[in-house]
Amino acid sequence: METDHQAKIRRANLFRWLTDKSLTKSDLARRLGKTRGYITNLQTRHFGERAARSIEEALFLPRGFLDLA
């Protein structure tokens, strides 16, 4: 079962990656083929396993990258 703690780690890692790459939420949305609203929702709502793996794949990140504490 997914936990809020896991979602917080995923959020932190995704938005740290975004900052490190000097990208905006809009840039990320385009890379993922999603809306900016979807990206905003990742910041405030459930960020599950399926979303994490899909994002990693789309961004060519290693599987499990977003889960690293």
PDB file of N, CA and C in Angstrom:
ATOM      1  N   MET A   1       0.832  -1.189   0.000  1.00  0.00           N
ATOM      2  CA  MET A   1       0.000   0.000   0.000  1.00  0.00           C
ATOM      3  C   MET A   1       0.876   1.252   0.000  1.00  0.00           C
ATOM      4  N   GLU A   2       0.507   2.216  -0.809  1.00  0.00           N
ATOM      5  CA  GLU A   2       1.239   3.466  -0.896  1.00  0.00           C
ATOM      6  C   GLU A   2       1.019   4.282   0.375  1.00  0.00           C
ATOM      7  N   THR A   3       2.047   5.003   0.770  1.00  0.00           N
ATOM      8  CA  THR A   3       1.929   5.846   1.949  1.00  0.00           C
ATOM      9  C   THR A   3       2.146   7.305   1.581  1.00  0.00           C
ATOM     10  N   ASP A   4       1.674   8.169   2.450  1.00  0.00           N
ATOM     11  CA  ASP A   4       1.885   9.602   2.244  1.00  0.00           C
ATOM     12  C   ASP A   4       3.374   9.919   2.272  1.00  0.00           C
ATOM     13  N   HIS A   5       4.116   9.175   3.069  1.00  0.00           N
ATOM     14  CA  HIS A   5       5.572   9.369   3.146  1.00  0.00           C
ATOM     15  C   HIS A   5       6.219   9.106   1.784  1.00  0.00           C
ATOM     16  N   GLN A   6       5.799   8.033   1.113  1.00  0.00           N
ATOM     17  CA  GLN A   6       6.334   7.721  -0.219  1.00  0.00           C
ATOM     18  C   GLN A   6       5.985   8.824  -1.212  1.00  0.00           C
ATOM     19  N   ALA A   7       4.769   9.321  -1.138  1.00  0.00           N
ATOM     20  CA  ALA A   7       4.349  10.399  -2.037  1.00  0.00           C
ATOM     21  C   ALA A   7       5.196  11.648  -1.806  1.00  0.00           C
ATOM     22  N   LYS A   8       5.506  11.953  -0.564  1.00  0.00           N
ATOM     23  CA  LYS A   8       6.331  13.125  -0.253  1.00  0.00           C
ATOM     24  C   LYS A   8       7.734  12.977  -0.820  1.00  0.00           C
ATOM     25  N   ILE A   9       8.292  11.778  -0.721  1.00  0.00           N
ATOM     26  CA  ILE A   9       9.620  11.520  -1.280  1.00  0.00           C
ATOM     27  C   ILE A   9       9.589  11.683  -2.798  1.00  0.00           C
ATOM     28  N   ARG A  10       8.566  11.121  -3.436  1.00  0.00           N
ATOM     29  CA  ARG A  10       8.446  11.239  -4.903  1.00  0.00           C
ATOM     30  C   ARG A  10       8.325  12.692  -5.323  1.00  0.00           C
ATOM     31  N   ARG A  11       7.494  13.444  -4.626  1.00  0.00           N
ATOM     32  CA  ARG A  11       7.333  14.869  -4.939  1.00  0.00           C
ATOM     33  C   ARG A  11       8.664  15.605  -4.817  1.00  0.00           C
ATOM     34  N   ALA A  12       9.327  15.391  -3.694  1.00  0.00           N
ATOM     35  CA  ALA A  12      10.598  16.072  -3.451  1.00  0.00           C
ATOM     36  C   ALA A  12      11.609  15.741  -4.545  1.00  0.00           C
ATOM     37  N   ASN A  13      11.708  14.476  -4.906  1.00  0.00           N
ATOM     38  CA  ASN A  13      12.669  14.066  -5.932  1.00  0.00           C
ATOM     39  C   ASN A  13      12.308  14.618  -7.303  1.00  0.00           C
ATOM     40  N   LEU A  14      11.036  14.583  -7.651  1.00  0.00           N
ATOM     41  CA  LEU A  14      10.627  15.097  -8.954  1.00  0.00           C
ATOM     42  C   LEU A  14      10.893  16.596  -9.059  1.00  0.00           C
ATOM     43  N   PHE A  15      10.501  17.350  -8.054  1.00  0.00           N
ATOM     44  CA  PHE A  15      10.656  18.797  -8.142  1.00  0.00           C
ATOM     45  C   PHE A  15      12.100  19.236  -7.922  1.00  0.00           C
ATOM     46  N   ARG A  16      12.901  18.434  -7.243  1.00  0.00           N
ATOM     47  CA  ARG A  16      14.351  18.697  -7.161  1.00  0.00           C
ATOM     48  C   ARG A  16      14.968  18.492  -8.551  1.00  0.00           C
ATOM     49  N   TRP A  17      14.563  17.392  -9.220  1.00  0.00           N
ATOM     50  CA  TRP A  17      15.053  17.127 -10.575  1.00  0.00           C
ATOM     51  C   TRP A  17      14.669  18.287 -11.499  1.00  0.00           C
ATOM     52  N   LEU A  18      13.435  18.743 -11.380  1.00  0.00           N
ATOM     53  CA  LEU A  18      12.930  19.846 -12.196  1.00  0.00           C
ATOM     54  C   LEU A  18      13.781  21.102 -11.983  1.00  0.00           C
ATOM     55  N   THR A  19      14.067  21.420 -10.744  1.00  0.00           N
ATOM     56  CA  THR A  19      14.890  22.579 -10.410  1.00  0.00           C
ATOM     57  C   THR A  19      16.314  22.406 -10.927  1.00  0.00           C
ATOM     58  N   ASP A  20      16.880  21.213 -10.735  1.00  0.00           N
ATOM     59  CA  ASP A  20      18.244  20.943 -11.206  1.00  0.00           C
ATOM     60  C   ASP A  20      18.369  21.116 -12.714  1.00  0.00           C
ATOM     61  N   LYS A  21      17.306  20.806 -13.442  1.00  0.00           N
ATOM     62  CA  LYS A  21      17.305  20.924 -14.903  1.00  0.00           C
ATOM     63  C   LYS A  21      16.830  22.302 -15.368  1.00  0.00           C
ATOM     64  N   SER A  22      16.522  23.186 -14.426  1.00  0.00           N
ATOM     65  CA  SER A  22      16.015  24.537 -14.725  1.00  0.00           C
ATOM     66  C   SER A  22      14.786  24.491 -15.624  1.00  0.00           C
ATOM     67  N   LEU A  23      13.881  23.576 -15.310  1.00  0.00           N
ATOM     68  CA  LEU A  23      12.647  23.433 -16.067  1.00  0.00           C
ATOM     69  C   LEU A  23      11.465  23.951 -15.254  1.00  0.00           C
ATOM     70  N   THR A  24      10.431  24.364 -15.961  1.00  0.00           N
ATOM     71  CA  THR A  24       9.202  24.807 -15.312  1.00  0.00           C
ATOM     72  C   THR A  24       8.195  23.655 -15.270  1.00  0.00           C
ATOM     73  N   LYS A  25       7.115  23.857 -14.545  1.00  0.00           N
ATOM     74  CA  LYS A  25       6.039  22.863 -14.538  1.00  0.00           C
ATOM     75  C   LYS A  25       5.476  22.676 -15.935  1.00  0.00           C
ATOM     76  N   SER A  26       5.414  23.751 -16.691  1.00  0.00           N
ATOM     77  CA  SER A  26       4.917  23.659 -18.071  1.00  0.00           C
ATOM     78  C   SER A  26       5.864  22.827 -18.936  1.00  0.00           C
ATOM     79  N   ASP A  27       7.161  23.008 -18.748  1.00  0.00           N
ATOM     80  CA  ASP A  27       8.143  22.190 -19.471  1.00  0.00           C
ATOM     81  C   ASP A  27       7.954  20.716 -19.133  1.00  0.00           C
ATOM     82  N   LEU A  28       7.786  20.436 -17.855  1.00  0.00           N
ATOM     83  CA  LEU A  28       7.590  19.057 -17.410  1.00  0.00           C
ATOM     84  C   LEU A  28       6.315  18.477 -18.011  1.00  0.00           C
ATOM     85  N   ALA A  29       5.254  19.242 -17.989  1.00  0.00           N
ATOM     86  CA  ALA A  29       3.984  18.775 -18.550  1.00  0.00           C
ATOM     87  C   ALA A  29       4.146  18.402 -20.020  1.00  0.00           C
ATOM     88  N   ARG A  30       4.841  19.236 -20.778  1.00  0.00           N
ATOM     89  CA  ARG A  30       5.073  18.949 -22.199  1.00  0.00           C
ATOM     90  C   ARG A  30       5.868  17.662 -22.376  1.00  0.00           C
ATOM     91  N   ARG A  31       6.909  17.480 -21.574  1.00  0.00           N
ATOM     92  CA  ARG A  31       7.727  16.269 -21.676  1.00  0.00           C
ATOM     93  C   ARG A  31       6.928  15.010 -21.349  1.00  0.00           C
ATOM     94  N   LEU A  32       5.970  15.150 -20.453  1.00  0.00           N
ATOM     95  CA  LEU A  32       5.162  14.001 -20.043  1.00  0.00           C
ATOM     96  C   LEU A  32       3.917  13.818 -20.903  1.00  0.00           C
ATOM     97  N   GLY A  33       3.607  14.813 -21.729  1.00  0.00           N
ATOM     98  CA  GLY A  33       2.379  14.757 -22.511  1.00  0.00           C
ATOM     99  C   GLY A  33       1.147  14.913 -21.639  1.00  0.00           C
ATOM    100  N   LYS A  34       1.289  15.705 -20.581  1.00  0.00           N
ATOM    101  CA  LYS A  34       0.203  15.942 -19.613  1.00  0.00           C
ATOM    102  C   LYS A  34      -0.092  17.429 -19.554  1.00  0.00           C
ATOM    103  N   THR A  35      -1.129  17.778 -18.820  1.00  0.00           N
ATOM    104  CA  THR A  35      -1.448  19.189 -18.618  1.00  0.00           C
ATOM    105  C   THR A  35      -0.656  19.736 -17.434  1.00  0.00           C
ATOM    106  N   ARG A  36      -0.548  21.055 -17.380  1.00  0.00           N
ATOM    107  CA  ARG A  36       0.103  21.683 -16.226  1.00  0.00           C
ATOM    108  C   ARG A  36      -0.690  21.387 -14.952  1.00  0.00           C
ATOM    109  N   GLY A  37      -2.005  21.274 -15.099  1.00  0.00           N
ATOM    110  CA  GLY A  37      -2.848  20.927 -13.954  1.00  0.00           C
ATOM    111  C   GLY A  37      -2.499  19.572 -13.375  1.00  0.00           C
ATOM    112  N   TYR A  38      -2.153  18.624 -14.227  1.00  0.00           N
ATOM    113  CA  TYR A  38      -1.725  17.295 -13.750  1.00  0.00           C
ATOM    114  C   TYR A  38      -0.479  17.433 -12.875  1.00  0.00           C
ATOM    115  N   ILE A  39       0.455  18.254 -13.327  1.00  0.00           N
ATOM    116  CA  ILE A  39       1.689  18.458 -12.561  1.00  0.00           C
ATOM    117  C   ILE A  39       1.379  19.109 -11.219  1.00  0.00           C
ATOM    118  N   THR A  40       0.510  20.088 -11.221  1.00  0.00           N
ATOM    119  CA  THR A  40       0.105  20.741  -9.978  1.00  0.00           C
ATOM    120  C   THR A  40      -0.538  19.733  -9.032  1.00  0.00           C
ATOM    121  N   ASN A  41      -1.361  18.845  -9.576  1.00  0.00           N
ATOM    122  CA  ASN A  41      -1.999  17.826  -8.740  1.00  0.00           C
ATOM    123  C   ASN A  41      -0.983  16.886  -8.101  1.00  0.00           C
ATOM    124  N   LEU A  42       0.117  16.620  -8.787  1.00  0.00           N
ATOM    125  CA  LEU A  42       1.160  15.768  -8.190  1.00  0.00           C
ATOM    126  C   LEU A  42       1.721  16.401  -6.920  1.00  0.00           C
ATOM    127  N   GLN A  43       1.678  17.724  -6.862  1.00  0.00           N
ATOM    128  CA  GLN A  43       2.199  18.427  -5.697  1.00  0.00           C
ATOM    129  C   GLN A  43       1.260  18.358  -4.502  1.00  0.00           C
ATOM    130  N   THR A  44      -0.015  18.151  -4.758  1.00  0.00           N
ATOM    131  CA  THR A  44      -0.980  18.268  -3.668  1.00  0.00           C
ATOM    132  C   THR A  44      -1.812  17.018  -3.421  1.00  0.00           C
ATOM    133  N   ARG A  45      -1.807  16.092  -4.348  1.00  0.00           N
ATOM    134  CA  ARG A  45      -2.651  14.904  -4.217  1.00  0.00           C
ATOM    135  C   ARG A  45      -1.816  13.649  -4.262  1.00  0.00           C
ATOM    136  N   HIS A  46      -2.495  12.538  -4.373  1.00  0.00           N
ATOM    137  CA  HIS A  46      -1.838  11.238  -4.399  1.00  0.00           C
ATOM    138  C   HIS A  46      -0.816  11.148  -5.525  1.00  0.00           C
ATOM    139  N   PHE A  47       0.356  10.610  -5.210  1.00  0.00           N
ATOM    140  CA  PHE A  47       1.429  10.419  -6.193  1.00  0.00           C
ATOM    141  C   PHE A  47       1.827   8.956  -6.077  1.00  0.00           C
ATOM    142  N   GLY A  48       1.121   8.111  -6.809  1.00  0.00           N
ATOM    143  CA  GLY A  48       1.268   6.673  -6.661  1.00  0.00           C
ATOM    144  C   GLY A  48       2.355   6.044  -7.497  1.00  0.00           C
ATOM    145  N   GLU A  49       2.460   4.744  -7.323  1.00  0.00           N
ATOM    146  CA  GLU A  49       3.457   3.914  -8.003  1.00  0.00           C
ATOM    147  C   GLU A  49       3.354   4.033  -9.518  1.00  0.00           C
ATOM    148  N   ARG A  50       2.153   3.912 -10.043  1.00  0.00           N
ATOM    149  CA  ARG A  50       1.967   3.949 -11.497  1.00  0.00           C
ATOM    150  C   ARG A  50       2.422   5.290 -12.078  1.00  0.00           C
ATOM    151  N   ALA A  51       2.043   6.377 -11.426  1.00  0.00           N
ATOM    152  CA  ALA A  51       2.458   7.703 -11.896  1.00  0.00           C
ATOM    153  C   ALA A  51       3.975   7.849 -11.827  1.00  0.00           C
ATOM    154  N   ALA A  52       4.570   7.381 -10.741  1.00  0.00           N
ATOM    155  CA  ALA A  52       6.026   7.494 -10.572  1.00  0.00           C
ATOM    156  C   ALA A  52       6.765   6.749 -11.675  1.00  0.00           C
ATOM    157  N   ARG A  53       6.357   5.513 -11.938  1.00  0.00           N
ATOM    158  CA  ARG A  53       7.045   4.722 -12.964  1.00  0.00           C
ATOM    159  C   ARG A  53       6.855   5.324 -14.351  1.00  0.00           C
ATOM    160  N   SER A  54       5.662   5.833 -14.621  1.00  0.00           N
ATOM    161  CA  SER A  54       5.370   6.453 -15.914  1.00  0.00           C
ATOM    162  C   SER A  54       6.236   7.698 -16.126  1.00  0.00           C
ATOM    163  N   ILE A  55       6.363   8.496 -15.095  1.00  0.00           N
ATOM    164  CA  ILE A  55       7.185   9.707 -15.170  1.00  0.00           C
ATOM    165  C   ILE A  55       8.651   9.348 -15.363  1.00  0.00           C
ATOM    166  N   GLU A  56       9.129   8.380 -14.601  1.00  0.00           N
ATOM    167  CA  GLU A  56      10.523   7.949 -14.760  1.00  0.00           C
ATOM    168  C   GLU A  56      10.793   7.493 -16.191  1.00  0.00           C
ATOM    169  N   GLU A  57       9.894   6.720 -16.733  1.00  0.00           N
ATOM    170  CA  GLU A  57      10.067   6.229 -18.103  1.00  0.00           C
ATOM    171  C   GLU A  57      10.084   7.387 -19.109  1.00  0.00           C
ATOM    172  N   ALA A  58       9.151   8.316 -18.972  1.00  0.00           N
ATOM    173  CA  ALA A  58       9.054   9.442 -19.904  1.00  0.00           C
ATOM    174  C   ALA A  58      10.277  10.361 -19.835  1.00  0.00           C
ATOM    175  N   LEU A  59      10.884  10.453 -18.652  1.00  0.00           N
ATOM    176  CA  LEU A  59      12.039  11.339 -18.464  1.00  0.00           C
ATOM    177  C   LEU A  59      13.369  10.598 -18.573  1.00  0.00           C
ATOM    178  N   PHE A  60      13.305   9.307 -18.927  1.00  0.00           N
ATOM    179  CA  PHE A  60      14.504   8.472 -19.059  1.00  0.00           C
ATOM    180  C   PHE A  60      15.310   8.408 -17.757  1.00  0.00           C
ATOM    181  N   LEU A  61      14.577   8.332 -16.650  1.00  0.00           N
ATOM    182  CA  LEU A  61      15.198   8.185 -15.336  1.00  0.00           C
ATOM    183  C   LEU A  61      15.216   6.701 -14.978  1.00  0.00           C
ATOM    184  N   PRO A  62      16.168   6.287 -14.167  1.00  0.00           N
ATOM    185  CA  PRO A  62      16.190   4.878 -13.750  1.00  0.00           C
ATOM    186  C   PRO A  62      14.926   4.527 -12.968  1.00  0.00           C
ATOM    187  N   ARG A  63      14.454   3.305 -13.168  1.00  0.00           N
ATOM    188  CA  ARG A  63      13.276   2.836 -12.426  1.00  0.00           C
ATOM    189  C   ARG A  63      13.564   2.927 -10.924  1.00  0.00           C
ATOM    190  N   GLY A  64      12.653   3.543 -10.191  1.00  0.00           N
ATOM    191  CA  GLY A  64      12.809   3.714  -8.745  1.00  0.00           C
ATOM    192  C   GLY A  64      13.483   5.017  -8.346  1.00  0.00           C
ATOM    193  N   PHE A  65      13.926   5.803  -9.323  1.00  0.00           N
ATOM    194  CA  PHE A  65      14.602   7.073  -9.041  1.00  0.00           C
ATOM    195  C   PHE A  65      13.782   7.974  -8.136  1.00  0.00           C
ATOM    196  N   LEU A  66      12.494   8.072  -8.403  1.00  0.00           N
ATOM    197  CA  LEU A  66      11.649   8.984  -7.619  1.00  0.00           C
ATOM    198  C   LEU A  66      11.407   8.490  -6.197  1.00  0.00           C
ATOM    199  N   ASP A  67      11.716   7.226  -5.925  1.00  0.00           N
ATOM    200  CA  ASP A  67      11.493   6.656  -4.598  1.00  0.00           C
ATOM    201  C   ASP A  67      12.718   6.742  -3.687  1.00  0.00           C
ATOM    202  N   LEU A  68      13.840   7.202  -4.218  1.00  0.00           N
ATOM    203  CA  LEU A  68      15.069   7.237  -3.423  1.00  0.00           C
ATOM    204  C   LEU A  68      14.979   8.290  -2.329  1.00  0.00           C
ATOM    205  N   ALA A  69      15.199   7.847  -1.108  1.00  0.00           N
ATOM    206  CA  ALA A  69      15.138   8.775   0.037  1.00  0.00           C
ATOM    207  C   ALA A  69      16.463   9.468   0.231  1.00  0.00           C
TER     208      ALA A  69
END
